[in-house]
Amino acid sequence: KSKKIAPVIYLKGYHYLLDTLFYLNHYSKFIHVLK
């Protein structure tokens, strides 16, 4: 339910998850999360 209530914060969480996977150079996990 919170995805609809606070979508901006949810998106920011996704962004930092992807960002850290990029800096860790974990390609397979990065591609999975991005998809």
All heavy atoms as atom14 arrays in JSON, in Angstrom:
{
  "sequence": "KSKKIAPVIYLKGYHYLLDTLFYLNHYSKFIHVLK",
  "atom14_mask": [
    [1, 1, 1, 1, 1, 1, 1, 1, 1, 0, 0, 0, 0, 0],
    [1, 1, 1, 1, 1, 1, 0, 0, 0, 0, 0, 0, 0, 0],
    [1, 1, 1, 1, 1, 1, 1, 1, 1, 0, 0, 0, 0, 0],
    [1, 1, 1, 1, 1, 1, 1, 1, 1, 0, 0, 0, 0, 0],
    [1, 1, 1, 1, 1, 1, 1, 1, 0, 0, 0, 0, 0, 0],
    [1, 1, 1, 1, 1, 0, 0, 0, 0, 0, 0, 0, 0, 0],
    [1, 1, 1, 1, 1, 1, 1, 0, 0, 0, 0, 0, 0, 0],
    [1, 1, 1, 1, 1, 1, 1, 0, 0, 0, 0, 0, 0, 0],
    [1, 1, 1, 1, 1, 1, 1, 1, 0, 0, 0, 0, 0, 0],
    [1, 1, 1, 1, 1, 1, 1, 1, 1, 1, 1, 1, 0, 0],
    [1, 1, 1, 1, 1, 1, 1, 1, 0, 0, 0, 0, 0, 0],
    [1, 1, 1, 1, 1, 1, 1, 1, 1, 0, 0, 0, 0, 0],
    [1, 1, 1, 1, 0, 0, 0, 0, 0, 0, 0, 0, 0, 0],
    [1, 1, 1, 1, 1, 1, 1, 1, 1, 1, 1, 1, 0, 0],
    [1, 1, 1, 1, 1, 1, 1, 1, 1, 1, 0, 0, 0, 0],
    [1, 1, 1, 1, 1, 1, 1, 1, 1, 1, 1, 1, 0, 0],
    [1, 1, 1, 1, 1, 1, 1, 1, 0, 0, 0, 0, 0, 0],
    [1, 1, 1, 1, 1, 1, 1, 1, 0, 0, 0, 0, 0, 0],
    [1, 1, 1, 1, 1, 1, 1, 1, 0, 0, 0, 0, 0, 0],
    [1, 1, 1, 1, 1, 1, 1, 0, 0, 0, 0, 0, 0, 0],
    [1, 1, 1, 1, 1, 1, 1, 1, 0, 0, 0, 0, 0, 0],
    [1, 1, 1, 1, 1, 1, 1, 1, 1, 1, 1, 0, 0, 0],
    [1, 1, 1, 1, 1, 1, 1, 1, 1, 1, 1, 1, 0, 0],
    [1, 1, 1, 1, 1, 1, 1, 1, 0, 0, 0, 0, 0, 0],
    [1, 1, 1, 1, 1, 1, 1, 1, 0, 0, 0, 0, 0, 0],
    [1, 1, 1, 1, 1, 1, 1, 1, 1, 1, 0, 0, 0, 0],
    [1, 1, 1, 1, 1, 1, 1, 1, 1, 1, 1, 1, 0, 0],
    [1, 1, 1, 1, 1, 1, 0, 0, 0, 0, 0, 0, 0, 0],
    [1, 1, 1, 1, 1, 1, 1, 1, 1, 0, 0, 0, 0, 0],
    [1, 1, 1, 1, 1, 1, 1, 1, 1, 1, 1, 0, 0, 0],
    [1, 1, 1, 1, 1, 1, 1, 1, 0, 0, 0, 0, 0, 0],
    [1, 1, 1, 1, 1, 1, 1, 1, 1, 1, 0, 0, 0, 0],
    [1, 1, 1, 1, 1, 1, 1, 0, 0, 0, 0, 0, 0, 0],
    [1, 1, 1, 1, 1, 1, 1, 1, 0, 0, 0, 0, 0, 0],
    [1, 1, 1, 1, 1, 1, 1, 1, 1, 0, 0, 0, 0, 0]
  ],
  "atom14_positions": [
    [[0.84, -1.22, 0.0], [0.0, 0.0, 0.0], [0.87, 1.26, 0.0], [0.5, 2.3, -0.55], [-0.93, 0.02, 1.21], [-0.2, 0.19, 2.54], [-1.1, 0.19, 3.75], [-0.3, 0.42, 5.02], [-1.08, 0.27, 6.24], [0.0, 0.0, 0.0], [0.0, 0.0, 0.0], [0.0, 0.0, 0.0], [0.0, 0.0, 0.0], [0.0, 0.0, 0.0]],
    [[2.06, 1.15, 0.61], [2.95, 2.31, 0.73], [3.58, 2.72, -0.6], [4.04, 3.84, -0.75], [4.05, 2.03, 1.75], [3.48, 1.76, 3.01], [0.0, 0.0, 0.0], [0.0, 0.0, 0.0], [0.0, 0.0, 0.0], [0.0, 0.0, 0.0], [0.0, 0.0, 0.0], [0.0, 0.0, 0.0], [0.0, 0.0, 0.0], [0.0, 0.0, 0.0]],
    [[3.61, 1.79, -1.57], [4.12, 2.14, -2.9], [3.29, 3.26, -3.52], [3.82, 4.11, -4.23], [4.08, 0.93, -3.83], [5.09, -0.15, -3.54], [4.99, -1.22, -4.62], [5.85, -2.42, -4.32], [5.77, -3.43, -5.39], [0.0, 0.0, 0.0], [0.0, 0.0, 0.0], [0.0, 0.0, 0.0], [0.0, 0.0, 0.0], [0.0, 0.0, 0.0]],
    [[1.98, 3.23, -3.26], [1.08, 4.25, -3.8], [1.08, 5.51, -2.95], [0.86, 6.61, -3.44], [-0.35, 3.7, -3.88], [-0.52, 2.48, -4.78], [-0.4, 2.84, -6.25], [-0.67, 1.64, -7.15], [-0.46, 1.95, -8.58], [0.0, 0.0, 0.0], [0.0, 0.0, 0.0], [0.0, 0.0, 0.0], [0.0, 0.0, 0.0], [0.0, 0.0, 0.0]],
    [[1.33, 5.34, -1.64], [1.29, 6.48, -0.72], [2.57, 7.32, -0.82], [2.51, 8.55, -0.84], [1.12, 6.0, 0.74], [-0.19, 5.23, 0.89], [1.13, 7.18, 1.71], [-0.26, 4.41, 2.16], [0.0, 0.0, 0.0], [0.0, 0.0, 0.0], [0.0, 0.0, 0.0], [0.0, 0.0, 0.0], [0.0, 0.0, 0.0], [0.0, 0.0, 0.0]],
    [[3.71, 6.65, -0.89], [5.0, 7.36, -0.93], [5.84, 6.87, -2.1], [6.94, 6.33, -1.92], [5.75, 7.16, 0.39], [0.0, 0.0, 0.0], [0.0, 0.0, 0.0], [0.0, 0.0, 0.0], [0.0, 0.0, 0.0], [0.0, 0.0, 0.0], [0.0, 0.0, 0.0], [0.0, 0.0, 0.0], [0.0, 0.0, 0.0], [0.0, 0.0, 0.0]],
    [[5.34, 7.04, -3.35], [6.06, 6.51, -4.52], [7.43, 7.14, -4.75], [8.34, 6.49, -5.23], [5.1, 6.79, -5.68], [4.27, 7.95, -5.23], [4.11, 7.77, -3.76], [0.0, 0.0, 0.0], [0.0, 0.0, 0.0], [0.0, 0.0, 0.0], [0.0, 0.0, 0.0], [0.0, 0.0, 0.0], [0.0, 0.0, 0.0], [0.0, 0.0, 0.0]],
    [[7.56, 8.42, -4.38], [8.84, 9.13, -4.59], [9.94, 8.47, -3.75], [11.05, 8.21, -4.24], [8.7, 10.63, -4.23], [10.06, 11.29, -4.13], [7.85, 11.34, -5.28], [0.0, 0.0, 0.0], [0.0, 0.0, 0.0], [0.0, 0.0, 0.0], [0.0, 0.0, 0.0], [0.0, 0.0, 0.0], [0.0, 0.0, 0.0], [0.0, 0.0, 0.0]],
    [[9.63, 8.18, -2.49], [10.64, 7.57, -1.6], [10.96, 6.15, -2.05], [12.11, 5.7, -1.96], [10.15, 7.59, -0.13], [9.77, 9.02, 0.28], [11.23, 7.06, 0.81], [9.15, 9.14, 1.65], [0.0, 0.0, 0.0], [0.0, 0.0, 0.0], [0.0, 0.0, 0.0], [0.0, 0.0, 0.0], [0.0, 0.0, 0.0], [0.0, 0.0, 0.0]],
    [[9.96, 5.43, -2.54], [10.17, 4.07, -3.07], [11.13, 4.12, -4.27], [12.07, 3.32, -4.34], [8.83, 3.46, -3.46], [8.92, 2.04, -3.99], [9.67, 1.07, -3.34], [8.24, 1.68, -5.16], [9.73, -0.23, -3.81], [8.3, 0.38, -5.64], [9.05, -0.58, -4.97], [9.11, -1.86, -5.44], [0.0, 0.0, 0.0], [0.0, 0.0, 0.0]],
    [[10.91, 5.06, -5.17], [11.78, 5.21, -6.34], [13.21, 5.53, -5.93], [14.17, 5.01, -6.51], [11.23, 6.31, -7.25], [9.99, 5.97, -8.08], [9.4, 7.23, -8.71], [10.31, 4.95, -9.16], [0.0, 0.0, 0.0], [0.0, 0.0, 0.0], [0.0, 0.0, 0.0], [0.0, 0.0, 0.0], [0.0, 0.0, 0.0], [0.0, 0.0, 0.0]],
    [[13.37, 6.4, -4.93], [14.71, 6.78, -4.46], [15.43, 5.55, -3.89], [16.63, 5.39, -4.07], [14.62, 7.88, -3.42], [14.36, 9.26, -4.04], [14.36, 10.36, -2.99], [14.12, 11.72, -3.63], [15.29, 12.21, -4.38], [0.0, 0.0, 0.0], [0.0, 0.0, 0.0], [0.0, 0.0, 0.0], [0.0, 0.0, 0.0], [0.0, 0.0, 0.0]],
    [[14.69, 4.69, -3.19], [15.27, 3.46, -2.66], [15.8, 2.58, -3.78], [16.93, 2.06, -3.71], [0.0, 0.0, 0.0], [0.0, 0.0, 0.0], [0.0, 0.0, 0.0], [0.0, 0.0, 0.0], [0.0, 0.0, 0.0], [0.0, 0.0, 0.0], [0.0, 0.0, 0.0], [0.0, 0.0, 0.0], [0.0, 0.0, 0.0], [0.0, 0.0, 0.0]],
    [[15.01, 2.43, -4.84], [15.43, 1.66, -6.01], [16.7, 2.25, -6.63], [17.62, 1.54, -7.02], [14.31, 1.67, -7.06], [13.66, 0.32, -7.29], [12.28, 0.17, -7.23], [14.42, -0.81, -7.59], [11.67, -1.07, -7.44], [13.83, -2.04, -7.8], [12.45, -2.17, -7.74], [11.87, -3.38, -7.95], [0.0, 0.0, 0.0], [0.0, 0.0, 0.0]],
    [[16.72, 3.58, -6.72], [17.87, 4.27, -7.32], [19.15, 3.96, -6.56], [20.19, 3.64, -7.16], [17.62, 5.77, -7.35], [18.83, 6.57, -7.7], [19.47, 6.46, -8.93], [19.56, 7.47, -6.98], [20.52, 7.26, -8.96], [20.6, 7.89, -7.8], [0.0, 0.0, 0.0], [0.0, 0.0, 0.0], [0.0, 0.0, 0.0], [0.0, 0.0, 0.0]],
    [[19.12, 4.06, -5.23], [20.34, 3.83, -4.45], [20.73, 2.37, -4.42], [21.92, 2.04, -4.34], [20.21, 4.44, -3.05], [20.22, 5.94, -3.15], [19.07, 6.68, -2.93], [21.36, 6.61, -3.57], [19.06, 8.06, -3.1], [21.37, 7.98, -3.75], [20.22, 8.7, -3.51], [20.22, 10.05, -3.69], [0.0, 0.0, 0.0], [0.0, 0.0, 0.0]],
    [[19.76, 1.48, -4.53], [20.06, 0.06, -4.64], [20.82, -0.19, -5.95], [21.85, -0.88, -5.96], [18.76, -0.75, -4.61], [18.88, -2.27, -4.75], [19.78, -2.86, -3.68], [17.5, -2.92, -4.7], [0.0, 0.0, 0.0], [0.0, 0.0, 0.0], [0.0, 0.0, 0.0], [0.0, 0.0, 0.0], [0.0, 0.0, 0.0], [0.0, 0.0, 0.0]],
    [[20.33, 0.38, -7.05], [21.0, 0.23, -8.35], [22.37, 0.92, -8.35], [23.34, 0.39, -8.91], [20.12, 0.81, -9.45], [18.91, -0.04, -9.86], [17.89, 0.79, -10.62], [19.36, -1.23, -10.7], [0.0, 0.0, 0.0], [0.0, 0.0, 0.0], [0.0, 0.0, 0.0], [0.0, 0.0, 0.0], [0.0, 0.0, 0.0], [0.0, 0.0, 0.0]],
    [[22.43, 2.08, -7.74], [23.68, 2.85, -7.7], [24.79, 2.08, -6.99], [25.94, 2.04, -7.45], [23.44, 4.19, -7.0], [24.12, 5.34, -7.71], [24.26, 5.27, -8.94], [24.53, 6.3, -7.03], [0.0, 0.0, 0.0], [0.0, 0.0, 0.0], [0.0, 0.0, 0.0], [0.0, 0.0, 0.0], [0.0, 0.0, 0.0], [0.0, 0.0, 0.0]],
    [[24.45, 1.48, -5.84], [25.47, 0.74, -5.08], [25.9, -0.53, -5.82], [27.08, -0.89, -5.78], [24.97, 0.39, -3.67], [23.68, -0.21, -3.74], [24.86, 1.61, -2.8], [0.0, 0.0, 0.0], [0.0, 0.0, 0.0], [0.0, 0.0, 0.0], [0.0, 0.0, 0.0], [0.0, 0.0, 0.0], [0.0, 0.0, 0.0], [0.0, 0.0, 0.0]],
    [[24.96, -1.18, -6.51], [25.32, -2.36, -7.31], [26.25, -1.97, -8.45], [27.16, -2.72, -8.81], [24.05, -3.05, -7.85], [23.23, -3.82, -6.83], [21.88, -4.22, -7.42], [23.97, -5.05, -6.33], [0.0, 0.0, 0.0], [0.0, 0.0, 0.0], [0.0, 0.0, 0.0], [0.0, 0.0, 0.0], [0.0, 0.0, 0.0], [0.0, 0.0, 0.0]],
    [[26.03, -0.78, -9.0], [26.91, -0.26, -10.06], [28.31, -0.03, -9.52], [29.31, -0.45, -10.13], [26.33, 1.03, -10.62], [27.24, 1.77, -11.55], [27.6, 1.25, -12.78], [27.77, 3.02, -11.19], [28.45, 1.93, -13.65], [28.61, 3.71, -12.05], [28.96, 3.16, -13.28], [0.0, 0.0, 0.0], [0.0, 0.0, 0.0], [0.0, 0.0, 0.0]],
    [[28.41, 0.62, -8.36], [29.73, 0.89, -7.78], [30.42, -0.4, -7.32], [31.65, -0.48, -7.32], [29.61, 1.87, -6.62], [29.38, 3.3, -7.07], [28.4, 4.09, -6.46], [30.12, 3.86, -8.1], [28.18, 5.4, -6.88], [29.9, 5.16, -8.52], [28.93, 5.93, -7.91], [28.71, 7.21, -8.33], [0.0, 0.0, 0.0], [0.0, 0.0, 0.0]],
    [[29.64, -1.39, -6.92], [30.2, -2.69, -6.53], [30.54, -3.54, -7.75], [31.13, -4.6, -7.62], [29.21, -3.45, -5.63], [29.01, -2.9, -4.22], [27.8, -3.55, -3.56], [30.26, -3.09, -3.36], [0.0, 0.0, 0.0], [0.0, 0.0, 0.0], [0.0, 0.0, 0.0], [0.0, 0.0, 0.0], [0.0, 0.0, 0.0], [0.0, 0.0, 0.0]],
    [[30.12, -3.05, -8.93], [30.34, -3.75, -10.2], [29.72, -5.15, -10.21], [30.27, -6.1, -10.77], [31.85, -3.83, -10.53], [32.1, -4.07, -12.0], [31.32, -3.66, -12.86], [33.18, -4.76, -12.31], [0.0, 0.0, 0.0], [0.0, 0.0, 0.0], [0.0, 0.0, 0.0], [0.0, 0.0, 0.0], [0.0, 0.0, 0.0], [0.0, 0.0, 0.0]],
    [[28.57, -5.28, -9.58], [27.86, -6.57, -9.53], [26.85, -6.57, -10.68], [25.67, -6.27, -10.5], [27.16, -6.74, -8.17], [26.9, -8.17, -7.82], [26.25, -9.03, -8.68], [27.2, -8.9, -6.71], [26.15, -10.21, -8.12], [26.73, -10.17, -6.93], [0.0, 0.0, 0.0], [0.0, 0.0, 0.0], [0.0, 0.0, 0.0], [0.0, 0.0, 0.0]],
    [[27.33, -6.97, -11.85], [26.55, -6.82, -13.08], [25.25, -7.62, -13.08], [24.19, -7.08, -13.39], [27.41, -7.23, -14.28], [26.69, -7.13, -15.61], [26.49, -5.89, -16.21], [26.21, -8.27, -16.26], [25.83, -5.79, -17.43], [25.55, -8.17, -17.47], [25.35, -6.94, -18.05], [24.68, -6.84, -19.24], [0.0, 0.0, 0.0], [0.0, 0.0, 0.0]],
    [[25.31, -8.9, -12.72], [24.12, -9.76, -12.8], [23.0, -9.27, -11.88], [21.83, -9.22, -12.27], [24.46, -11.22, -12.48], [25.02, -11.32, -11.17], [0.0, 0.0, 0.0], [0.0, 0.0, 0.0], [0.0, 0.0, 0.0], [0.0, 0.0, 0.0], [0.0, 0.0, 0.0], [0.0, 0.0, 0.0], [0.0, 0.0, 0.0], [0.0, 0.0, 0.0]],
    [[23.37, -8.88, -10.68], [22.38, -8.36, -9.73], [21.84, -7.01, -10.2], [20.65, -6.72, -10.05], [23.01, -8.22, -8.34], [22.18, -8.79, -7.22], [22.97, -8.92, -5.94], [22.49, -10.13, -5.15], [23.31, -10.37, -3.97], [0.0, 0.0, 0.0], [0.0, 0.0, 0.0], [0.0, 0.0, 0.0], [0.0, 0.0, 0.0], [0.0, 0.0, 0.0]],
    [[22.72, -6.18, -10.73], [22.32, -4.87, -11.25], [21.27, -5.04, -12.35], [20.23, -4.37, -12.35], [23.55, -4.13, -11.8], [23.23, -2.82, -12.46], [23.15, -1.64, -11.74], [23.0, -2.75, -13.84], [22.86, -0.43, -12.34], [22.7, -1.55, -14.46], [22.63, -0.38, -13.71], [0.0, 0.0, 0.0], [0.0, 0.0, 0.0], [0.0, 0.0, 0.0]],
    [[21.53, -5.94, -13.3], [20.6, -6.18, -14.42], [19.27, -6.71, -13.9], [18.2, -6.29, -14.35], [21.22, -7.17, -15.44], [22.43, -6.54, -16.12], [20.19, -7.62, -16.47], [22.14, -5.29, -16.92], [0.0, 0.0, 0.0], [0.0, 0.0, 0.0], [0.0, 0.0, 0.0], [0.0, 0.0, 0.0], [0.0, 0.0, 0.0], [0.0, 0.0, 0.0]],
    [[19.32, -7.6, -12.92], [18.1, -8.17, -12.34], [17.23, -7.08, -11.69], [16.02, -7.02, -11.93], [18.47, -9.23, -11.3], [17.31, -9.75, -10.51], [16.37, -10.62, -11.04], [16.91, -9.5, -9.22], [15.44, -10.87, -10.14], [15.75, -10.22, -9.02], [0.0, 0.0, 0.0], [0.0, 0.0, 0.0], [0.0, 0.0, 0.0], [0.0, 0.0, 0.0]],
    [[17.86, -6.22, -10.9], [17.13, -5.14, -10.21], [16.61, -4.11, -11.21], [15.47, -3.64, -11.09], [18.01, -4.47, -9.13], [17.3, -3.27, -8.5], [18.38, -5.46, -8.04], [0.0, 0.0, 0.0], [0.0, 0.0, 0.0], [0.0, 0.0, 0.0], [0.0, 0.0, 0.0], [0.0, 0.0, 0.0], [0.0, 0.0, 0.0], [0.0, 0.0, 0.0]],
    [[17.42, -3.78, -12.22], [17.0, -2.8, -13.23], [15.78, -3.31, -14.0], [14.83, -2.55, -14.25], [18.15, -2.5, -14.2], [17.86, -1.49, -15.31], [17.42, -0.14, -14.74], [19.08, -1.3, -16.22], [0.0, 0.0, 0.0], [0.0, 0.0, 0.0], [0.0, 0.0, 0.0], [0.0, 0.0, 0.0], [0.0, 0.0, 0.0], [0.0, 0.0, 0.0]],
    [[15.79, -4.59, -14.37], [14.63, -5.19, -15.09], [13.39, -5.15, -14.22], [12.29, -4.83, -14.69], [14.95, -6.63, -15.5], [15.8, -6.74, -16.75], [16.04, -8.19, -17.13], [16.9, -8.28, -18.39], [17.24, -9.69, -18.71], [0.0, 0.0, 0.0], [0.0, 0.0, 0.0], [0.0, 0.0, 0.0], [0.0, 0.0, 0.0], [0.0, 0.0, 0.0]]
  ]
}
